[in-house]
C-alpha atoms as a PDB file:
ATOM      1  CA  UNK A   1      61.036 -34.433   4.540  1.00  0.00           C
ATOM      2  CA  UNK A   2      63.694 -31.750   3.963  1.00  0.00           C
ATOM      3  CA  UNK A   3      61.625 -30.351   1.091  1.00  0.00           C
ATOM      4  CA  UNK A   4      58.596 -29.973   3.333  1.00  0.00           C
ATOM      5  CA  UNK A   5      60.654 -28.182   5.980  1.00  0.00           C
ATOM      6  CA  UNK A   6      62.263 -25.917   3.349  1.00  0.00           C
ATOM      7  CA  UNK A   7      58.816 -25.165   1.878  1.00  0.00           C
ATOM      8  CA  UNK A   8      57.448 -24.354   5.358  1.00  0.00           C
ATOM      9  CA  UNK A   9      60.383 -22.029   6.064  1.00  0.00           C
ATOM     10  CA  UNK A  10      59.962 -20.308   2.688  1.00  0.00           C
ATOM     11  CA  UNK A  11      56.234 -19.755   3.287  1.00  0.00           C
ATOM     12  CA  UNK A  12      56.938 -18.395   6.785  1.00  0.00           C
ATOM     13  CA  UNK A  13      59.523 -15.983   5.366  1.00  0.00           C
ATOM     14  CA  UNK A  14      57.173 -14.785   2.613  1.00  0.00           C
ATOM     15  CA  UNK A  15      54.286 -14.225   5.035  1.00  0.00           C
ATOM     16  CA  UNK A  16      56.638 -12.585   7.538  1.00  0.00           C
ATOM     17  CA  UNK A  17      57.846 -10.120   4.905  1.00  0.00           C
ATOM     18  CA  UNK A  18      54.272  -9.416   3.814  1.00  0.00           C
ATOM     19  CA  UNK A  19      53.213  -8.819   7.416  1.00  0.00           C
ATOM     20  CA  UNK A  20      56.160  -6.480   8.002  1.00  0.00           C
ATOM     21  CA  UNK A  21      55.342  -4.586   4.832  1.00  0.00           C
ATOM     22  CA  UNK A  22      51.786  -4.044   6.033  1.00  0.00           C
ATOM     23  CA  UNK A  23      52.837  -2.199   9.190  1.00  0.00           C
ATOM     24  CA  UNK A  24      52.846   1.590   9.413  1.00  0.00           C
ATOM     25  CA  UNK A  25      56.568   2.298   9.206  1.00  0.00           C
ATOM     26  CA  UNK A  26      55.981   6.046   8.920  1.00  0.00           C
ATOM     27  CA  UNK A  27      54.767   6.479  12.499  1.00  0.00           C
ATOM     28  CA  UNK A  28      57.625   6.444  15.030  1.00  0.00           C
ATOM     29  CA  UNK A  29      57.154   4.560  18.297  1.00  0.00           C
ATOM     30  CA  UNK A  30      58.016   7.651  20.371  1.00  0.00           C
ATOM     31  CA  UNK A  31      56.419  11.070  20.219  1.00  0.00           C
ATOM     32  CA  UNK A  32      58.773  13.713  18.831  1.00  0.00           C
ATOM     33  CA  UNK A  33      60.562  16.388  20.825  1.00  0.00           C
ATOM     34  CA  UNK A  34      59.742  20.002  20.049  1.00  0.00           C
ATOM     35  CA  UNK A  35      62.533  22.500  19.504  1.00  0.00           C
ATOM     36  CA  UNK A  36      61.810  26.222  19.339  1.00  0.00           C
ATOM     37  CA  UNK A  37      64.218  28.390  17.361  1.00  0.00           C
ATOM     38  CA  UNK A  38      63.916  32.145  17.987  1.00  0.00           C
ATOM     39  CA  UNK A  39      65.248  34.520  15.360  1.00  0.00           C
ATOM     40  CA  UNK A  40      65.505  38.250  16.042  1.00  0.00           C
ATOM     41  CA  UNK A  41      66.862  40.522  13.342  1.00  0.00           C
ATOM     42  CA  UNK A  42      70.451  41.513  14.088  1.00  0.00           C
ATOM     43  CA  UNK A  43      70.830  39.081  17.028  1.00  0.00           C
ATOM     44  CA  UNK A  44      72.045  35.527  17.458  1.00  0.00           C
ATOM     45  CA  UNK A  45      69.547  32.684  17.095  1.00  0.00           C
ATOM     46  CA  UNK A  46      68.317  30.911  20.238  1.00  0.00           C
ATOM     47  CA  UNK A  47      67.306  27.220  20.254  1.00  0.00           C
ATOM     48  CA  UNK A  48      65.667  25.379  23.147  1.00  0.00           C
ATOM     49  CA  UNK A  49      63.909  22.069  23.695  1.00  0.00           C
ATOM     50  CA  UNK A  50      60.357  22.620  24.939  1.00  0.00           C
ATOM     51  CA  UNK A  51      58.956  20.753  27.941  1.00  0.00           C
ATOM     52  CA  UNK A  52      56.875  17.740  26.850  1.00  0.00           C
ATOM     53  CA  UNK A  53      53.377  17.799  28.266  1.00  0.00           C
ATOM     54  CA  UNK A  54      50.293  15.610  27.960  1.00  0.00           C
ATOM     55  CA  UNK A  55      50.736  13.100  25.136  1.00  0.00           C
ATOM     56  CA  UNK A  56      48.625  10.408  23.480  1.00  0.00           C
ATOM     57  CA  UNK A  57      50.798   8.542  20.997  1.00  0.00           C
ATOM     58  CA  UNK A  58      49.672   5.620  18.849  1.00  0.00           C
ATOM     59  CA  UNK A  59      51.300   3.646  16.075  1.00  0.00           C
ATOM     60  CA  UNK A  60      50.534   0.371  14.356  1.00  0.00           C
ATOM     61  CA  UNK A  61      51.030  -2.224  17.050  1.00  0.00           C
ATOM     62  CA  UNK A  62      51.310   0.010  20.099  1.00  0.00           C
ATOM     63  CA  UNK A  63      50.748   3.246  21.864  1.00  0.00           C
ATOM     64  CA  UNK A  64      50.979   5.092  25.154  1.00  0.00           C
ATOM     65  CA  UNK A  65      49.447   7.985  27.024  1.00  0.00           C
ATOM     66  CA  UNK A  66      51.367  10.231  29.383  1.00  0.00           C
ATOM     67  CA  UNK A  67      49.978  12.795  31.736  1.00  0.00           C
ATOM     68  CA  UNK A  68      51.733  15.944  32.799  1.00  0.00           C
ATOM     69  CA  UNK A  69      51.124  19.062  34.799  1.00  0.00           C
ATOM     70  CA  UNK A  70      49.448  21.937  32.989  1.00  0.00           C
ATOM     71  CA  UNK A  71      52.006  24.623  32.032  1.00  0.00           C
ATOM     72  CA  UNK A  72      50.553  26.947  34.699  1.00  0.00           C
ATOM     73  CA  UNK A  73      51.154  24.261  37.354  1.00  0.00           C
ATOM     74  CA  UNK A  74      54.888  24.344  36.615  1.00  0.00           C
ATOM     75  CA  UNK A  75      57.017  26.787  38.547  1.00  0.00           C
ATOM     76  CA  UNK A  76      59.437  29.198  36.945  1.00  0.00           C
ATOM     77  CA  UNK A  77      62.429  26.888  37.658  1.00  0.00           C
ATOM     78  CA  UNK A  78      60.886  24.243  35.393  1.00  0.00           C
ATOM     79  CA  UNK A  79      61.365  26.664  32.500  1.00  0.00           C
ATOM     80  CA  UNK A  80      65.068  27.374  33.142  1.00  0.00           C
ATOM     81  CA  UNK A  81      66.121  25.316  30.094  1.00  0.00           C
ATOM     82  CA  UNK A  82      62.969  26.044  28.092  1.00  0.00           C
ATOM     83  CA  UNK A  83      63.149  29.850  27.917  1.00  0.00           C
ATOM     84  CA  UNK A  84      63.668  32.200  24.990  1.00  0.00           C
ATOM     85  CA  UNK A  85      64.511  35.898  25.451  1.00  0.00           C
ATOM     86  CA  UNK A  86      63.248  38.605  23.095  1.00  0.00           C
ATOM     87  CA  UNK A  87      65.830  41.179  24.318  1.00  0.00           C
ATOM     88  CA  UNK A  88      63.386  44.020  23.824  1.00  0.00           C
ATOM     89  CA  UNK A  89      62.549  43.196  20.190  1.00  0.00           C
ATOM     90  CA  UNK A  90      59.919  41.307  18.214  1.00  0.00           C
ATOM     91  CA  UNK A  91      60.877  37.860  16.975  1.00  0.00           C
ATOM     92  CA  UNK A  92      59.927  34.791  15.014  1.00  0.00           C
ATOM     93  CA  UNK A  93      59.853  31.308  16.539  1.00  0.00           C
ATOM     94  CA  UNK A  94      60.207  28.321  14.238  1.00  0.00           C
ATOM     95  CA  UNK A  95      58.785  25.122  15.728  1.00  0.00           C
ATOM     96  CA  UNK A  96      60.801  22.066  14.777  1.00  0.00           C
ATOM     97  CA  UNK A  97      59.740  18.542  15.706  1.00  0.00           C
ATOM     98  CA  UNK A  98      62.320  15.773  15.887  1.00  0.00           C
ATOM     99  CA  UNK A  99      62.025  12.871  13.481  1.00  0.00           C
ATOM    100  CA  UNK A 100      60.417  12.876  10.084  1.00  0.00           C
ATOM    101  CA  UNK A 101      56.724  12.748  10.976  1.00  0.00           C
ATOM    102  CA  UNK A 102      55.210  16.246  10.720  1.00  0.00           C
ATOM    103  CA  UNK A 103      51.865  16.907  12.406  1.00  0.00           C
ATOM    104  CA  UNK A 104      48.767  17.857  10.468  1.00  0.00           C
ATOM    105  CA  UNK A 105      48.077  20.844  12.726  1.00  0.00           C
ATOM    106  CA  UNK A 106      49.891  22.955  15.295  1.00  0.00           C
ATOM    107  CA  UNK A 107      48.043  25.243  17.693  1.00  0.00           C
ATOM    108  CA  UNK A 108      49.431  27.611  20.313  1.00  0.00           C
ATOM    109  CA  UNK A 109      48.147  29.666  23.200  1.00  0.00           C
ATOM    110  CA  UNK A 110      49.800  31.665  25.950  1.00  0.00           C
ATOM    111  CA  UNK A 111      49.337  32.896  29.503  1.00  0.00           C
ATOM    112  CA  UNK A 112      51.154  35.596  31.411  1.00  0.00           C
ATOM    113  CA  UNK A 113      54.207  33.986  33.038  1.00  0.00           C
ATOM    114  CA  UNK A 114      53.258  35.287  36.471  1.00  0.00           C
ATOM    115  CA  UNK A 115      50.405  32.722  36.450  1.00  0.00           C
ATOM    116  CA  UNK A 116      52.910  29.817  36.494  1.00  0.00           C
ATOM    117  CA  UNK A 117      53.367  29.507  40.230  1.00  0.00           C
ATOM    118  CA  UNK A 118      53.875  25.774  40.645  1.00  0.00           C
ATOM    119  CA  UNK A 119      50.478  25.428  42.311  1.00  0.00           C
ATOM    120  CA  UNK A 120      46.900  25.064  41.164  1.00  0.00           C
ATOM    121  CA  UNK A 121      45.918  28.033  38.962  1.00  0.00           C
ATOM    122  CA  UNK A 122      42.664  29.787  39.691  1.00  0.00           C
ATOM    123  CA  UNK A 123      39.881  29.574  37.118  1.00  0.00           C
ATOM    124  CA  UNK A 124      40.524  33.209  36.257  1.00  0.00           C
ATOM    125  CA  UNK A 125      44.211  32.471  35.555  1.00  0.00           C
ATOM    126  CA  UNK A 126      43.451  29.325  33.580  1.00  0.00           C
ATOM    127  CA  UNK A 127      40.756  31.003  31.461  1.00  0.00           C
ATOM    128  CA  UNK A 128      42.870  34.090  30.728  1.00  0.00           C
ATOM    129  CA  UNK A 129      44.806  32.732  27.721  1.00  0.00           C
ATOM    130  CA  UNK A 130      45.389  34.214  24.295  1.00  0.00           C
ATOM    131  CA  UNK A 131      45.420  32.257  21.043  1.00  0.00           C
ATOM    132  CA  UNK A 132      48.641  32.570  19.044  1.00  0.00           C
ATOM    133  CA  UNK A 133      48.618  32.252  15.286  1.00  0.00           C
ATOM    134  CA  UNK A 134      50.882  29.543  13.927  1.00  0.00           C
ATOM    135  CA  UNK A 135      51.622  29.830  10.213  1.00  0.00           C
ATOM    136  CA  UNK A 136      52.797  26.337   9.278  1.00  0.00           C
ATOM    137  CA  UNK A 137      55.553  25.996  11.880  1.00  0.00           C
ATOM    138  CA  UNK A 138      56.185  29.706  12.532  1.00  0.00           C
ATOM    139  CA  UNK A 139      54.935  31.906  15.388  1.00  0.00           C
ATOM    140  CA  UNK A 140      55.561  35.645  15.201  1.00  0.00           C
ATOM    141  CA  UNK A 141      56.049  37.142  18.652  1.00  0.00           C
ATOM    142  CA  UNK A 142      55.495  40.824  19.401  1.00  0.00           C
ATOM    143  CA  UNK A 143      57.311  42.115  22.441  1.00  0.00           C
ATOM    144  CA  UNK A 144      54.755  43.941  24.558  1.00  0.00           C
ATOM    145  CA  UNK A 145      56.875  44.006  27.719  1.00  0.00           C
ATOM    146  CA  UNK A 146      55.291  40.889  29.275  1.00  0.00           C
ATOM    147  CA  UNK A 147      56.718  37.411  29.879  1.00  0.00           C
ATOM    148  CA  UNK A 148      54.547  34.498  28.712  1.00  0.00           C
ATOM    149  CA  UNK A 149      54.157  30.752  29.087  1.00  0.00           C
ATOM    150  CA  UNK A 150      53.274  29.101  25.766  1.00  0.00           C
ATOM    151  CA  UNK A 151      51.503  25.811  25.240  1.00  0.00           C
ATOM    152  CA  UNK A 152      51.953  24.292  21.787  1.00  0.00           C
ATOM    153  CA  UNK A 153      49.770  21.389  20.653  1.00  0.00           C
ATOM    154  CA  UNK A 154      50.709  19.197  17.696  1.00  0.00           C
ATOM    155  CA  UNK A 155      48.074  16.876  16.213  1.00  0.00           C
ATOM    156  CA  UNK A 156      48.385  13.769  14.026  1.00  0.00           C
ATOM    157  CA  UNK A 157      44.731  12.806  13.313  1.00  0.00           C
ATOM    158  CA  UNK A 158      45.640   9.859  11.060  1.00  0.00           C
ATOM    159  CA  UNK A 159      46.823   7.976  14.175  1.00  0.00           C
ATOM    160  CA  UNK A 160      44.657   9.770  16.783  1.00  0.00           C
ATOM    161  CA  UNK A 161      47.862  11.117  18.319  1.00  0.00           C
ATOM    162  CA  UNK A 162      48.684  14.465  19.874  1.00  0.00           C
ATOM    163  CA  UNK A 163      51.400  15.984  22.012  1.00  0.00           C
ATOM    164  CA  UNK A 164      51.590  19.208  23.991  1.00  0.00           C
ATOM    165  CA  UNK A 165      54.692  21.201  24.818  1.00  0.00           C
ATOM    166  CA  UNK A 166      55.454  24.213  27.022  1.00  0.00           C
ATOM    167  CA  UNK A 167      58.029  26.985  26.881  1.00  0.00           C
ATOM    168  CA  UNK A 168      58.567  30.464  28.301  1.00  0.00           C
ATOM    169  CA  UNK A 169      59.285  33.643  26.335  1.00  0.00           C
ATOM    170  CA  UNK A 170      60.737  36.578  28.257  1.00  0.00           C
ATOM    171  CA  UNK A 171      60.619  40.173  27.013  1.00  0.00           C
ATOM    172  CA  UNK A 172      64.014  41.324  28.373  1.00  0.00           C
END
C-alpha cells in the first residue's frame, strides 16, 4: 500500500513540475511601470514615473483590464509628479519600463498642455494631437516654447496586452 501511495505522489510531482514548466514564466502578472529619463546636454538628468493609463494585461492563467481617464481629462495637478522640464533646451527622453519584459512596439503622441483641464475635452482638442517618433525607447524633444501632455502606448502583441502612460513636458 505504501508503494502505491509513493508512486501516486511521485506521479503527481512529475506532472506538477511538467505543468509548471508549461506556463509562460516570461510574462509578469502586473503591467510594468514606465519611467521617463530626460537628458539635456550640460544639465542634470531628470527621472519621473509616468501616470499609468488604460491597460489590458494578460498572462498565462490570468489577466485584467483597467480603465483610466484620457490624459486630457486629467488636470494639471495630476501631473505634478509626472513632469519633466526642458529648461529652454532640446532634450532626449529615454523610456524605461520596469521588469524584464520589453514591449514589441512603443508609440507616442502629444497635445498642448493647456488642453488638459480636468474636464471633458472638446473634439477639436482631442483631435489636435501630434505623433512623436520613438526610436526604440528614445524620444527626441525639440523645445518650441510650448508645454505638452504626452501619451505613450506600449504593446505586447504576443499576449494581446497593452498599457498607456501619460506625462507632461514643460518648456521652461
